[in-house]
Amino acid sequence: MTVSAPVKDNYDSGVGNIEKWTESKRMTLNLAKTWEMIVSGKSANPPPMAGIERKT
């Protein structure tokens, strides 16, 4: 499954938000199979989320 969400600042991002979303949908999050990819037209690059691999 792919989940995409706009992030306006570093306060919007984070594993905690993803975990809350999956729990509300009665799903489990397998961090070993989870990764993030930043798609942005700007040069700003938010810090990586702890526990989640970042791919380019």
PDB file of N, CA and C in Angstrom:
ATOM      1  N   MET A   1       0.842  -1.161   0.000  1.00  0.00           N
ATOM      2  CA  MET A   1       0.000   0.000   0.000  1.00  0.00           C
ATOM      3  C   MET A   1       0.890   1.227   0.000  1.00  0.00           C
ATOM      4  N   THR A   2       0.463   2.241  -0.687  1.00  0.00           N
ATOM      5  CA  THR A   2       1.163   3.522  -0.693  1.00  0.00           C
ATOM      6  C   THR A   2       0.307   4.553   0.016  1.00  0.00           C
ATOM      7  N   VAL A   3       0.928   5.275   0.910  1.00  0.00           N
ATOM      8  CA  VAL A   3       0.259   6.366   1.607  1.00  0.00           C
ATOM      9  C   VAL A   3       1.030   7.630   1.292  1.00  0.00           C
ATOM     10  N   SER A   4       0.346   8.625   0.794  1.00  0.00           N
ATOM     11  CA  SER A   4       1.010   9.902   0.535  1.00  0.00           C
ATOM     12  C   SER A   4       0.266  11.003   1.270  1.00  0.00           C
ATOM     13  N   ALA A   5       1.044  11.968   1.735  1.00  0.00           N
ATOM     14  CA  ALA A   5       0.450  13.064   2.488  1.00  0.00           C
ATOM     15  C   ALA A   5       1.292  14.311   2.323  1.00  0.00           C
ATOM     16  N   PRO A   6       0.658  15.455   2.146  1.00  0.00           N
ATOM     17  CA  PRO A   6       1.428  16.697   2.099  1.00  0.00           C
ATOM     18  C   PRO A   6       1.968  17.024   3.481  1.00  0.00           C
ATOM     19  N   VAL A   7       3.190  17.481   3.542  1.00  0.00           N
ATOM     20  CA  VAL A   7       3.818  17.873   4.797  1.00  0.00           C
ATOM     21  C   VAL A   7       4.274  19.308   4.640  1.00  0.00           C
ATOM     22  N   LYS A   8       3.720  20.190   5.447  1.00  0.00           N
ATOM     23  CA  LYS A   8       4.048  21.612   5.342  1.00  0.00           C
ATOM     24  C   LYS A   8       5.273  21.985   6.162  1.00  0.00           C
ATOM     25  N   ASP A   9       5.501  21.261   7.255  1.00  0.00           N
ATOM     26  CA  ASP A   9       6.682  21.509   8.078  1.00  0.00           C
ATOM     27  C   ASP A   9       7.030  20.233   8.828  1.00  0.00           C
ATOM     28  N   ASN A  10       8.110  20.266   9.580  1.00  0.00           N
ATOM     29  CA  ASN A  10       8.577  19.072  10.281  1.00  0.00           C
ATOM     30  C   ASN A  10       7.606  18.600  11.359  1.00  0.00           C
ATOM     31  N   TYR A  11       6.703  19.464  11.798  1.00  0.00           N
ATOM     32  CA  TYR A  11       5.747  19.061  12.829  1.00  0.00           C
ATOM     33  C   TYR A  11       4.658  18.158  12.262  1.00  0.00           C
ATOM     34  N   ASP A  12       4.432  18.200  10.936  1.00  0.00           N
ATOM     35  CA  ASP A  12       3.425  17.351  10.307  1.00  0.00           C
ATOM     36  C   ASP A  12       3.910  15.925  10.105  1.00  0.00           C
ATOM     37  N   SER A  13       5.228  15.734  10.003  1.00  0.00           N
ATOM     38  CA  SER A  13       5.771  14.424   9.672  1.00  0.00           C
ATOM     39  C   SER A  13       6.099  13.634  10.932  1.00  0.00           C
ATOM     40  N   GLY A  14       6.392  12.370  10.738  1.00  0.00           N
ATOM     41  CA  GLY A  14       6.828  11.543  11.855  1.00  0.00           C
ATOM     42  C   GLY A  14       6.143  10.206  11.899  1.00  0.00           C
ATOM     43  N   VAL A  15       6.858   9.244  12.453  1.00  0.00           N
ATOM     44  CA  VAL A  15       6.339   7.886  12.552  1.00  0.00           C
ATOM     45  C   VAL A  15       5.099   7.860  13.436  1.00  0.00           C
ATOM     46  N   GLY A  16       5.056   8.671  14.476  1.00  0.00           N
ATOM     47  CA  GLY A  16       3.900   8.685  15.377  1.00  0.00           C
ATOM     48  C   GLY A  16       2.605   8.966  14.652  1.00  0.00           C
ATOM     49  N   ASN A  17       2.625   9.903  13.707  1.00  0.00           N
ATOM     50  CA  ASN A  17       1.417  10.212  12.930  1.00  0.00           C
ATOM     51  C   ASN A  17       0.998   9.034  12.065  1.00  0.00           C
ATOM     52  N   ILE A  18       1.967   8.354  11.470  1.00  0.00           N
ATOM     53  CA  ILE A  18       1.662   7.195  10.635  1.00  0.00           C
ATOM     54  C   ILE A  18       1.109   6.069  11.495  1.00  0.00           C
ATOM     55  N   GLU A  19       1.709   5.848  12.656  1.00  0.00           N
ATOM     56  CA  GLU A  19       1.229   4.797  13.558  1.00  0.00           C
ATOM     57  C   GLU A  19      -0.195   5.078  14.017  1.00  0.00           C
ATOM     58  N   LYS A  20      -0.509   6.321  14.334  1.00  0.00           N
ATOM     59  CA  LYS A  20      -1.879   6.674  14.739  1.00  0.00           C
ATOM     60  C   LYS A  20      -2.865   6.405  13.607  1.00  0.00           C
ATOM     61  N   TRP A  21      -2.473   6.747  12.378  1.00  0.00           N
ATOM     62  CA  TRP A  21      -3.354   6.528  11.230  1.00  0.00           C
ATOM     63  C   TRP A  21      -3.609   5.037  11.024  1.00  0.00           C
ATOM     64  N   THR A  22      -2.548   4.207  11.078  1.00  0.00           N
ATOM     65  CA  THR A  22      -2.733   2.773  10.865  1.00  0.00           C
ATOM     66  C   THR A  22      -3.586   2.163  11.980  1.00  0.00           C
ATOM     67  N   GLU A  23      -3.383   2.608  13.214  1.00  0.00           N
ATOM     68  CA  GLU A  23      -4.203   2.093  14.315  1.00  0.00           C
ATOM     69  C   GLU A  23      -5.669   2.457  14.135  1.00  0.00           C
ATOM     70  N   SER A  24      -5.941   3.673  13.661  1.00  0.00           N
ATOM     71  CA  SER A  24      -7.334   4.091  13.464  1.00  0.00           C
ATOM     72  C   SER A  24      -8.017   3.284  12.359  1.00  0.00           C
ATOM     73  N   LYS A  25      -7.216   2.708  11.455  1.00  0.00           N
ATOM     74  CA  LYS A  25      -7.750   1.882  10.363  1.00  0.00           C
ATOM     75  C   LYS A  25      -7.654   0.395  10.676  1.00  0.00           C
ATOM     76  N   ARG A  26      -7.292   0.079  11.934  1.00  0.00           N
ATOM     77  CA  ARG A  26      -7.127  -1.302  12.400  1.00  0.00           C
ATOM     78  C   ARG A  26      -6.101  -2.056  11.566  1.00  0.00           C
ATOM     79  N   MET A  27      -4.986  -1.387  11.312  1.00  0.00           N
ATOM     80  CA  MET A  27      -3.879  -1.968  10.563  1.00  0.00           C
ATOM     81  C   MET A  27      -2.643  -1.990  11.453  1.00  0.00           C
ATOM     82  N   THR A  28      -1.645  -2.771  11.058  1.00  0.00           N
ATOM     83  CA  THR A  28      -0.369  -2.768  11.763  1.00  0.00           C
ATOM     84  C   THR A  28       0.701  -2.230  10.825  1.00  0.00           C
ATOM     85  N   LEU A  29       1.696  -1.588  11.388  1.00  0.00           N
ATOM     86  CA  LEU A  29       2.783  -1.003  10.622  1.00  0.00           C
ATOM     87  C   LEU A  29       4.032  -1.851  10.817  1.00  0.00           C
ATOM     88  N   ASN A  30       4.537  -2.431   9.730  1.00  0.00           N
ATOM     89  CA  ASN A  30       5.753  -3.229   9.769  1.00  0.00           C
ATOM     90  C   ASN A  30       6.908  -2.327   9.340  1.00  0.00           C
ATOM     91  N   LEU A  31       7.676  -1.805  10.302  1.00  0.00           N
ATOM     92  CA  LEU A  31       8.761  -0.876  10.000  1.00  0.00           C
ATOM     93  C   LEU A  31       9.855  -1.521   9.160  1.00  0.00           C
ATOM     94  N   ALA A  32       9.996  -2.847   9.214  1.00  0.00           N
ATOM     95  CA  ALA A  32      11.009  -3.528   8.408  1.00  0.00           C
ATOM     96  C   ALA A  32      10.682  -3.455   6.914  1.00  0.00           C
ATOM     97  N   LYS A  33       9.408  -3.249   6.581  1.00  0.00           N
ATOM     98  CA  LYS A  33       8.996  -3.175   5.183  1.00  0.00           C
ATOM     99  C   LYS A  33       8.537  -1.772   4.788  1.00  0.00           C
ATOM    100  N   THR A  34       8.772  -0.802   5.649  1.00  0.00           N
ATOM    101  CA  THR A  34       8.297   0.557   5.416  1.00  0.00           C
ATOM    102  C   THR A  34       9.458   1.456   5.036  1.00  0.00           C
ATOM    103  N   TRP A  35       9.250   2.320   4.036  1.00  0.00           N
ATOM    104  CA  TRP A  35      10.257   3.307   3.671  1.00  0.00           C
ATOM    105  C   TRP A  35       9.569   4.582   3.231  1.00  0.00           C
ATOM    106  N   GLU A  36      10.333   5.648   3.231  1.00  0.00           N
ATOM    107  CA  GLU A  36       9.796   6.939   2.826  1.00  0.00           C
ATOM    108  C   GLU A  36      10.557   7.464   1.622  1.00  0.00           C
ATOM    109  N   MET A  37       9.863   8.227   0.817  1.00  0.00           N
ATOM    110  CA  MET A  37      10.474   8.892  -0.321  1.00  0.00           C
ATOM    111  C   MET A  37       9.925  10.305  -0.360  1.00  0.00           C
ATOM    112  N   ILE A  38      10.801  11.287  -0.400  1.00  0.00           N
ATOM    113  CA  ILE A  38      10.410  12.691  -0.429  1.00  0.00           C
ATOM    114  C   ILE A  38      10.248  13.112  -1.884  1.00  0.00           C
ATOM    115  N   VAL A  39       9.084  13.629  -2.208  1.00  0.00           N
ATOM    116  CA  VAL A  39       8.813  14.179  -3.536  1.00  0.00           C
ATOM    117  C   VAL A  39       8.526  15.656  -3.330  1.00  0.00           C
ATOM    118  N   SER A  40       9.436  16.495  -3.834  1.00  0.00           N
ATOM    119  CA  SER A  40       9.306  17.914  -3.579  1.00  0.00           C
ATOM    120  C   SER A  40       9.892  18.711  -4.730  1.00  0.00           C
ATOM    121  N   GLY A  41       9.268  19.827  -5.040  1.00  0.00           N
ATOM    122  CA  GLY A  41       9.789  20.730  -6.045  1.00  0.00           C
ATOM    123  C   GLY A  41      10.752  21.732  -5.451  1.00  0.00           C
ATOM    124  N   LYS A  42      10.897  21.712  -4.145  1.00  0.00           N
ATOM    125  CA  LYS A  42      11.773  22.644  -3.444  1.00  0.00           C
ATOM    126  C   LYS A  42      13.050  21.922  -3.019  1.00  0.00           C
ATOM    127  N   SER A  43      14.077  22.695  -2.742  1.00  0.00           N
ATOM    128  CA  SER A  43      15.337  22.092  -2.313  1.00  0.00           C
ATOM    129  C   SER A  43      15.324  21.697  -0.839  1.00  0.00           C
ATOM    130  N   ALA A  44      14.336  22.147  -0.073  1.00  0.00           N
ATOM    131  CA  ALA A  44      14.253  21.796   1.345  1.00  0.00           C
ATOM    132  C   ALA A  44      14.046  20.298   1.493  1.00  0.00           C
ATOM    133  N   ASN A  45      14.724  19.716   2.450  1.00  0.00           N
ATOM    134  CA  ASN A  45      14.643  18.283   2.672  1.00  0.00           C
ATOM    135  C   ASN A  45      14.419  18.039   4.159  1.00  0.00           C
ATOM    136  N   PRO A  46      13.238  17.594   4.561  1.00  0.00           N
ATOM    137  CA  PRO A  46      12.975  17.379   5.994  1.00  0.00           C
ATOM    138  C   PRO A  46      13.857  16.257   6.536  1.00  0.00           C
ATOM    139  N   PRO A  47      14.104  16.251   7.829  1.00  0.00           N
ATOM    140  CA  PRO A  47      14.918  15.172   8.402  1.00  0.00           C
ATOM    141  C   PRO A  47      14.203  13.838   8.265  1.00  0.00           C
ATOM    142  N   PRO A  48      14.977  12.751   8.147  1.00  0.00           N
ATOM    143  CA  PRO A  48      14.338  11.425   8.026  1.00  0.00           C
ATOM    144  C   PRO A  48      13.592  11.048   9.296  1.00  0.00           C
ATOM    145  N   MET A  49      12.566  10.236   9.133  1.00  0.00           N
ATOM    146  CA  MET A  49      11.813   9.734  10.281  1.00  0.00           C
ATOM    147  C   MET A  49      12.601   8.615  10.938  1.00  0.00           C
ATOM    148  N   ALA A  50      12.660   8.625  12.243  1.00  0.00           N
ATOM    149  CA  ALA A  50      13.399   7.594  12.981  1.00  0.00           C
ATOM    150  C   ALA A  50      12.757   6.238  12.763  1.00  0.00           C
ATOM    151  N   GLY A  51      13.591   5.258  12.449  1.00  0.00           N
ATOM    152  CA  GLY A  51      13.094   3.888  12.298  1.00  0.00           C
ATOM    153  C   GLY A  51      12.585   3.561  10.908  1.00  0.00           C
ATOM    154  N   ILE A  52      12.593   4.523   9.983  1.00  0.00           N
ATOM    155  CA  ILE A  52      12.107   4.294   8.631  1.00  0.00           C
ATOM    156  C   ILE A  52      13.205   4.659   7.639  1.00  0.00           C
ATOM    157  N   GLU A  53      13.495   3.735   6.726  1.00  0.00           N
ATOM    158  CA  GLU A  53      14.525   3.962   5.706  1.00  0.00           C
ATOM    159  C   GLU A  53      14.021   4.980   4.680  1.00  0.00           C
ATOM    160  N   ARG A  54      14.921   5.851   4.232  1.00  0.00           N
ATOM    161  CA  ARG A  54      14.575   6.833   3.194  1.00  0.00           C
ATOM    162  C   ARG A  54      15.220   6.410   1.877  1.00  0.00           C
ATOM    163  N   LYS A  55      14.419   6.414   0.815  1.00  0.00           N
ATOM    164  CA  LYS A  55      14.915   6.079  -0.518  1.00  0.00           C
ATOM    165  C   LYS A  55      14.832   7.302  -1.406  1.00  0.00           C
ATOM    166  N   THR A  56      15.675   7.305  -2.441  1.00  0.00           N
ATOM    167  CA  THR A  56      15.672   8.431  -3.371  1.00  0.00           C
ATOM    168  C   THR A  56      14.949   8.062  -4.651  1.00  0.00           C
TER     169      THR A  56
END
